[in-house]
Amino acid sequence: MSAPTVDGPTQDFLKALASETRQQIMLLFAGGTQLTVGEVADACGLGQSTTSEQLSLLKRGGLVRSARDGKLVRYRADPTTIAARLADLRSYLACCCPPESDTDPAP
């Protein structure tokens, strides 16, 4: 049996969440909010190029998706992909580190 591994998309998901800045950006999308790069930059106090880079990493990690709205690009959370990545991660963790059963005595 081969050892369980985290696949590339799930690795990108974890890398995207590894930054406090990107975690703060994700909170802006709560409740289905859609924002442009400029709106995210203003809310986080970041430059637009830094914000674009951070959103690109979040997009690669499957946390956000974008849609063009005329000249603007709007970003929003991608709950479908987030759920899939969390399921992948849950499966990996259950395989490598299964939870203790309720019948096992506490140490």
Protein backbone atom coordinates (compact mmCIF):
# COMPACT_ATOMS: atom_id res chain seq x y z
CA MET A 1 0.00 0.00 0.00
CA SER A 2 1.38 3.42 -0.91
CA ALA A 3 1.66 6.15 1.66
CA PRO A 4 -1.07 8.81 1.52
CA THR A 5 -0.05 12.11 0.02
CA VAL A 6 -1.58 15.54 -0.32
CA ASP A 7 -2.15 16.26 -4.01
CA GLY A 8 -1.02 19.41 -5.82
CA PRO A 9 -4.32 21.32 -5.58
CA THR A 10 -4.57 20.61 -1.86
CA GLN A 11 -0.94 21.69 -1.39
CA ASP A 12 -1.80 24.97 -3.17
CA PHE A 13 -4.85 25.33 -0.89
CA LEU A 14 -2.69 24.93 2.22
CA LYS A 15 -0.02 27.31 0.89
CA ALA A 16 -2.69 29.92 0.18
CA LEU A 17 -3.96 29.71 3.75
CA ALA A 18 -0.45 29.84 5.24
CA SER A 19 -0.30 33.63 5.09
CA GLU A 20 -1.96 35.85 7.69
CA THR A 21 -2.50 38.48 5.00
CA ARG A 22 -4.35 36.02 2.78
CA GLN A 23 -6.37 34.84 5.77
CA GLN A 24 -7.42 38.46 6.38
CA ILE A 25 -8.32 38.86 2.72
CA MET A 26 -10.50 35.74 2.86
CA LEU A 27 -12.50 37.24 5.73
CA LEU A 28 -13.50 40.09 3.40
CA PHE A 29 -15.41 37.62 1.23
CA ALA A 30 -17.66 36.40 4.06
CA GLY A 31 -21.32 36.22 3.17
CA GLY A 32 -20.72 36.04 -0.57
CA THR A 33 -19.18 39.50 -0.86
CA GLN A 34 -17.61 40.27 -4.24
CA LEU A 35 -14.72 42.74 -4.35
CA THR A 36 -12.33 44.21 -6.88
CA VAL A 37 -8.56 44.30 -6.36
CA GLY A 38 -8.82 47.97 -5.42
CA GLU A 39 -11.52 47.32 -2.84
CA VAL A 40 -9.49 44.52 -1.27
CA ALA A 41 -6.36 46.69 -1.30
CA ASP A 42 -8.19 49.56 0.42
CA ALA A 43 -9.74 47.27 3.04
CA CYS A 44 -6.40 45.65 3.88
CA GLY A 45 -4.14 48.66 3.51
CA LEU A 46 -2.10 46.99 0.77
CA GLY A 47 -0.84 48.19 -2.58
CA GLN A 48 -2.75 47.02 -5.63
CA SER A 49 0.14 44.97 -7.02
CA THR A 50 0.61 43.20 -3.67
CA THR A 51 -3.14 42.60 -3.48
CA SER A 52 -3.20 41.20 -7.02
CA GLU A 53 -0.39 38.81 -6.12
CA GLN A 54 -2.18 37.68 -2.96
CA LEU A 55 -5.46 37.16 -4.85
CA SER A 56 -3.61 35.17 -7.49
CA LEU A 57 -2.26 32.81 -4.81
CA LEU A 58 -5.74 32.49 -3.30
CA LYS A 59 -7.16 31.74 -6.74
CA ARG A 60 -4.48 29.10 -7.43
CA GLY A 61 -5.33 27.55 -4.07
CA GLY A 62 -9.01 27.33 -4.99
CA LEU A 63 -10.15 29.75 -2.32
CA VAL A 64 -11.43 32.49 -4.62
CA ARG A 65 -12.62 32.80 -8.19
CA SER A 66 -12.90 35.82 -10.39
CA ALA A 67 -15.36 37.13 -12.95
CA ARG A 68 -14.99 40.03 -15.32
CA ASP A 69 -17.57 42.81 -14.91
CA GLY A 70 -16.89 45.21 -17.76
CA LYS A 71 -13.43 46.61 -17.10
CA LEU A 72 -13.39 45.34 -13.52
CA VAL A 73 -12.55 41.90 -12.22
CA ARG A 74 -14.55 40.90 -9.16
CA TYR A 75 -13.33 38.24 -6.75
CA ARG A 76 -15.38 36.10 -4.39
CA ALA A 77 -14.90 33.02 -2.25
CA ASP A 78 -15.22 29.68 -4.05
CA PRO A 79 -17.17 27.53 -1.56
CA THR A 80 -17.39 24.53 -3.91
CA THR A 81 -13.64 24.23 -4.36
CA ILE A 82 -12.99 25.04 -0.70
CA ALA A 83 -15.30 22.18 0.31
CA ALA A 84 -13.52 19.81 -2.08
CA ARG A 85 -10.08 20.75 -0.76
CA LEU A 86 -11.24 20.36 2.84
CA ALA A 87 -12.62 16.91 2.00
CA ASP A 88 -9.29 15.96 0.40
CA LEU A 89 -7.44 17.17 3.48
CA ARG A 90 -9.85 15.38 5.82
CA SER A 91 -9.32 12.12 3.91
CA TYR A 92 -5.54 12.52 4.05
CA LEU A 93 -5.55 13.22 7.77
CA ALA A 94 -7.92 10.34 8.51
CA CYS A 95 -5.62 7.99 6.59
CA CYS A 96 -2.35 9.08 8.18
CA CYS A 97 -3.65 10.02 11.62
CA PRO A 98 -7.00 8.35 12.25
CA PRO A 99 -9.03 9.78 15.10
CA GLU A 100 -9.13 7.77 18.28
CA SER A 101 -12.36 5.88 18.81
CA ASP A 102 -14.69 6.89 21.61
CA THR A 103 -14.08 3.53 23.30
CA ASP A 104 -10.33 4.05 23.71
CA PRO A 105 -9.35 5.01 27.26
CA ALA A 106 -7.94 8.50 27.72
CA PRO A 107 -4.21 8.64 28.42
